[in-house]
N, C-alpha and C. Protein backbone atom coordinates (compact mmCIF):
# COMPACT_ATOMS: atom_id res chain seq x y z
N MET A 1 -21.18 65.97 -9.75
CA MET A 1 -20.22 65.85 -10.42
C MET A 1 -20.62 64.61 -11.81
N ALA A 2 -19.34 64.68 -12.75
CA ALA A 2 -19.84 63.60 -13.53
C ALA A 2 -18.85 62.67 -13.13
N ASN A 3 -19.44 61.24 -13.51
CA ASN A 3 -19.11 60.19 -12.66
C ASN A 3 -18.33 59.41 -13.90
N SER A 4 -18.87 58.89 -15.49
CA SER A 4 -18.33 58.15 -16.33
C SER A 4 -17.45 58.79 -16.98
N PRO A 5 -16.52 58.60 -17.79
CA PRO A 5 -15.44 58.85 -18.49
C PRO A 5 -16.20 59.67 -19.54
N GLN A 6 -17.17 58.92 -20.03
CA GLN A 6 -17.65 59.95 -21.27
C GLN A 6 -18.44 61.07 -20.61
N ALA A 7 -19.20 61.13 -19.50
CA ALA A 7 -19.59 62.34 -19.12
C ALA A 7 -18.37 63.39 -18.78
N LYS A 8 -17.43 63.06 -17.90
CA LYS A 8 -16.13 63.90 -17.96
C LYS A 8 -15.71 64.58 -19.19
N LYS A 9 -15.34 63.50 -20.24
CA LYS A 9 -14.94 64.40 -21.09
C LYS A 9 -16.03 65.30 -21.99
N ARG A 10 -17.35 65.16 -21.83
CA ARG A 10 -18.24 65.97 -22.30
C ARG A 10 -18.27 67.28 -21.52
N ALA A 11 -18.01 67.44 -19.82
CA ALA A 11 -17.71 68.58 -19.58
C ALA A 11 -16.46 69.29 -19.67
N ARG A 12 -15.47 68.52 -20.00
CA ARG A 12 -14.39 69.33 -20.61
C ARG A 12 -14.72 70.12 -21.91
N GLN A 13 -15.23 69.15 -22.90
CA GLN A 13 -15.40 69.84 -24.03
C GLN A 13 -16.46 71.28 -23.45
N ASN A 14 -17.43 71.09 -22.83
CA ASN A 14 -18.44 72.10 -22.76
C ASN A 14 -17.51 73.43 -22.09
N GLU A 15 -16.55 73.12 -21.06
CA GLU A 15 -15.72 74.05 -20.57
C GLU A 15 -15.07 74.92 -22.08
N LYS A 16 -14.48 74.09 -22.86
CA LYS A 16 -13.81 74.44 -24.25
C LYS A 16 -14.73 75.71 -24.80
N ARG A 17 -15.87 75.22 -25.44
CA ARG A 17 -16.92 75.51 -26.05
C ARG A 17 -17.10 76.74 -25.41
N ALA A 18 -17.56 76.69 -24.34
CA ALA A 18 -17.90 78.13 -23.39
C ALA A 18 -16.90 79.26 -23.54
N ALA A 19 -15.94 78.80 -23.53
CA ALA A 19 -14.67 79.82 -23.56
C ALA A 19 -14.39 80.35 -24.86
N VAL A 20 -14.66 79.68 -25.90
CA VAL A 20 -14.69 80.08 -27.58
C VAL A 20 -15.63 80.90 -27.68
N ASN A 21 -17.02 80.73 -27.07
CA ASN A 21 -18.43 81.40 -27.21
C ASN A 21 -18.19 82.40 -26.67
N LYS A 22 -17.65 82.82 -25.34
CA LYS A 22 -17.49 83.85 -24.79
C LYS A 22 -16.43 85.00 -25.49
N ALA A 23 -15.58 84.66 -25.98
CA ALA A 23 -14.50 85.33 -26.71
C ALA A 23 -15.30 85.80 -28.02
N ARG A 24 -15.82 84.96 -28.72
CA ARG A 24 -16.70 85.34 -29.92
C ARG A 24 -17.79 86.48 -29.63
N ARG A 25 -18.27 86.21 -28.59
CA ARG A 25 -19.60 87.32 -28.04
C ARG A 25 -19.00 88.32 -27.83
N SER A 26 -17.90 88.39 -26.78
CA SER A 26 -17.13 89.77 -26.91
C SER A 26 -16.64 90.50 -27.60
N ARG A 27 -15.92 90.03 -28.66
CA ARG A 27 -15.49 90.39 -29.87
C ARG A 27 -16.83 91.04 -30.79
N ILE A 28 -17.84 90.39 -30.92
CA ILE A 28 -19.15 90.90 -31.39
C ILE A 28 -19.56 92.47 -30.75
N ARG A 29 -19.83 92.06 -29.49
CA ARG A 29 -20.01 93.04 -28.56
C ARG A 29 -19.19 94.51 -28.78
N THR A 30 -17.86 94.32 -28.82
CA THR A 30 -16.95 95.42 -29.25
C THR A 30 -17.55 96.18 -30.56
N PHE A 31 -17.35 95.34 -31.36
CA PHE A 31 -17.82 96.06 -32.61
C PHE A 31 -19.14 96.64 -32.83
N LEU A 32 -20.32 96.29 -32.08
CA LEU A 32 -21.43 96.99 -31.81
C LEU A 32 -21.22 98.18 -30.88
N ARG A 33 -20.12 98.33 -30.00
CA ARG A 33 -20.03 99.45 -29.06
C ARG A 33 -19.52 100.55 -29.95
N GLN A 34 -18.76 100.09 -31.07
CA GLN A 34 -17.78 101.12 -31.76
C GLN A 34 -18.95 101.54 -32.79
N VAL A 35 -19.80 100.95 -33.28
CA VAL A 35 -20.90 101.44 -34.28
C VAL A 35 -21.71 102.64 -32.68
N GLU A 36 -22.37 102.08 -31.70
CA GLU A 36 -22.81 102.85 -31.10
C GLU A 36 -22.16 104.39 -30.68
N GLU A 37 -20.93 103.98 -30.31
CA GLU A 37 -19.84 105.28 -30.22
C GLU A 37 -20.19 106.48 -31.28
N ALA A 38 -19.67 105.80 -32.65
CA ALA A 38 -19.83 106.47 -33.70
C ALA A 38 -20.86 107.25 -33.73
N ILE A 39 -22.21 106.58 -33.36
CA ILE A 39 -23.46 107.24 -33.71
C ILE A 39 -23.44 108.39 -32.65
N ALA A 40 -23.15 107.92 -31.54
CA ALA A 40 -23.15 109.22 -30.31
C ALA A 40 -22.27 110.41 -30.54
N SER A 41 -21.27 110.25 -31.39
CA SER A 41 -20.26 111.32 -31.54
C SER A 41 -21.03 112.01 -32.86
N GLY A 42 -21.95 111.44 -33.56
CA GLY A 42 -22.73 112.30 -34.65
C GLY A 42 -21.95 112.07 -36.13
N ASP A 43 -20.79 111.49 -36.17
CA ASP A 43 -20.31 111.03 -37.00
C ASP A 43 -20.59 110.15 -38.20
N LYS A 44 -21.61 110.77 -39.01
CA LYS A 44 -22.02 109.36 -40.01
C LYS A 44 -21.13 108.79 -41.08
N ALA A 45 -19.86 109.24 -41.26
CA ALA A 45 -18.74 108.52 -42.05
C ALA A 45 -18.26 107.48 -41.21
N ALA A 46 -18.02 107.76 -40.20
CA ALA A 46 -17.58 106.64 -39.34
C ALA A 46 -18.69 105.85 -38.88
N ALA A 47 -19.64 106.51 -38.55
CA ALA A 47 -20.65 105.17 -38.36
C ALA A 47 -21.15 104.19 -39.27
N GLN A 48 -21.00 105.01 -40.55
CA GLN A 48 -21.34 104.02 -41.49
C GLN A 48 -20.24 102.66 -41.78
N ALA A 49 -19.12 103.11 -41.39
CA ALA A 49 -17.91 102.23 -41.49
C ALA A 49 -17.54 101.63 -40.42
N ALA A 50 -18.16 101.65 -39.43
CA ALA A 50 -18.18 100.92 -38.33
C ALA A 50 -19.26 99.81 -38.05
N LEU A 51 -20.39 100.21 -39.05
CA LEU A 51 -21.59 99.32 -39.09
C LEU A 51 -21.35 98.08 -40.46
N GLN A 52 -20.67 98.83 -41.50
CA GLN A 52 -19.91 97.80 -42.39
C GLN A 52 -18.82 96.80 -41.82
N ALA A 53 -18.24 97.13 -40.95
CA ALA A 53 -17.53 96.28 -40.32
C ALA A 53 -18.19 94.94 -39.00
N ALA A 54 -19.23 95.65 -38.33
CA ALA A 54 -19.99 95.05 -37.51
C ALA A 54 -20.68 93.86 -38.42
N GLN A 55 -21.25 94.09 -39.15
CA GLN A 55 -22.28 93.39 -40.09
C GLN A 55 -21.90 91.56 -40.18
N PRO A 56 -20.69 91.73 -40.94
CA PRO A 56 -20.09 90.22 -41.35
C PRO A 56 -19.67 89.80 -39.72
N GLU A 57 -19.22 90.54 -38.86
CA GLU A 57 -19.04 89.76 -37.39
C GLU A 57 -20.44 89.50 -36.50
N LEU A 58 -21.57 90.21 -36.88
CA LEU A 58 -22.83 89.76 -36.26
C LEU A 58 -23.18 88.27 -37.05
N MET A 59 -23.04 88.34 -38.24
CA MET A 59 -23.63 87.00 -39.24
C MET A 59 -22.71 86.01 -39.23
N ARG A 60 -21.33 86.12 -38.27
CA ARG A 60 -20.61 85.28 -38.30
C ARG A 60 -20.88 84.41 -36.97
N GLY A 61 -21.25 85.41 -35.99
CA GLY A 61 -22.00 84.80 -34.94
C GLY A 61 -22.90 83.86 -35.09
N VAL A 62 -23.89 84.35 -36.28
CA VAL A 62 -25.06 83.41 -36.43
C VAL A 62 -24.75 81.99 -36.91
N SER A 63 -23.61 82.10 -37.79
CA SER A 63 -23.18 80.68 -38.41
C SER A 63 -22.65 79.98 -37.17
N LYS A 64 -22.09 80.76 -36.20
CA LYS A 64 -21.14 79.82 -35.27
C LYS A 64 -22.19 79.76 -34.04
N GLY A 65 -23.38 79.89 -34.02
CA GLY A 65 -24.34 79.54 -33.12
C GLY A 65 -24.63 80.09 -32.01
N ILE A 66 -23.88 81.59 -32.28
CA ILE A 66 -24.02 82.27 -30.76
C ILE A 66 -25.33 83.08 -30.57
N PHE A 67 -25.54 83.37 -31.92
CA PHE A 67 -26.53 84.64 -31.97
C PHE A 67 -27.88 83.63 -32.87
N HIS A 68 -29.08 83.89 -32.60
CA HIS A 68 -30.39 83.54 -33.61
C HIS A 68 -30.05 84.66 -34.97
N LYS A 69 -30.47 84.30 -36.02
CA LYS A 69 -30.48 84.77 -37.07
C LYS A 69 -31.42 86.01 -36.90
N ASN A 70 -32.56 85.87 -36.46
CA ASN A 70 -33.38 87.12 -36.44
C ASN A 70 -32.88 88.17 -35.59
N THR A 71 -32.16 87.86 -34.42
CA THR A 71 -31.59 88.53 -33.27
C THR A 71 -30.49 89.41 -34.22
N ALA A 72 -29.59 88.82 -35.31
CA ALA A 72 -28.51 89.92 -35.42
C ALA A 72 -29.23 90.26 -36.64
N SER A 73 -30.11 90.30 -37.21
CA SER A 73 -31.02 90.73 -38.36
C SER A 73 -31.47 92.29 -37.75
N ARG A 74 -32.19 91.76 -36.58
CA ARG A 74 -32.54 93.03 -35.81
C ARG A 74 -31.99 94.15 -35.34
N LYS A 75 -30.86 93.68 -34.79
CA LYS A 75 -29.80 94.66 -34.43
C LYS A 75 -29.02 95.29 -35.58
N ILE A 76 -28.68 94.64 -36.45
CA ILE A 76 -28.15 95.17 -37.88
C ILE A 76 -29.23 96.50 -38.63
N SER A 77 -30.75 95.82 -38.66
CA SER A 77 -31.88 96.63 -38.89
C SER A 77 -31.96 98.15 -37.94
N ARG A 78 -31.90 97.94 -36.62
CA ARG A 78 -32.00 99.06 -35.88
C ARG A 78 -30.71 99.89 -35.89
N LEU A 79 -29.60 99.52 -36.01
CA LEU A 79 -28.68 100.26 -36.00
C LEU A 79 -28.26 101.13 -37.43
N SER A 80 -28.42 100.42 -38.52
CA SER A 80 -28.72 100.96 -39.66
C SER A 80 -29.57 102.37 -39.98
N SER A 81 -30.65 101.97 -39.19
CA SER A 81 -31.43 102.83 -39.30
C SER A 81 -30.99 103.89 -38.28
N ARG A 82 -30.38 103.99 -37.24
CA ARG A 82 -29.99 105.27 -36.54
C ARG A 82 -28.77 105.99 -36.93
N VAL A 83 -28.09 104.92 -38.02
CA VAL A 83 -26.91 105.77 -38.67
C VAL A 83 -27.44 106.46 -40.02
N LYS A 84 -28.64 105.90 -40.24
CA LYS A 84 -29.39 106.43 -41.63
C LYS A 84 -30.07 108.03 -41.30
N SER A 85 -30.44 107.93 -39.77
CA SER A 85 -31.07 109.13 -39.52
C SER A 85 -30.06 110.41 -39.21
N LEU A 86 -28.91 109.65 -39.07
CA LEU A 86 -27.90 110.69 -38.71
C LEU A 86 -27.69 111.84 -40.07
N GLY A 87 -26.88 112.93 -39.87
CA GLY A 87 -26.73 114.02 -40.95
C GLY A 87 -28.15 114.54 -41.28
């Protein structure tokens, strides 16, 4: 357990940060799930629209430090190739 006042403060800050990061990660996963569902349904137009909405969310996660840049790029690349193969 934290003993010094500064360590206690850092523990409080870490809890707040973790909650914000968890919410952001959840939001991004929701966007990714919408793309997956559109791909599964076979609707290319809906899948493209969902991918266009998901891309900025993923990159925002990168800028906020939730995902590594290469991870987000890999996810976008793989999803876009799957959307492209529809139809």
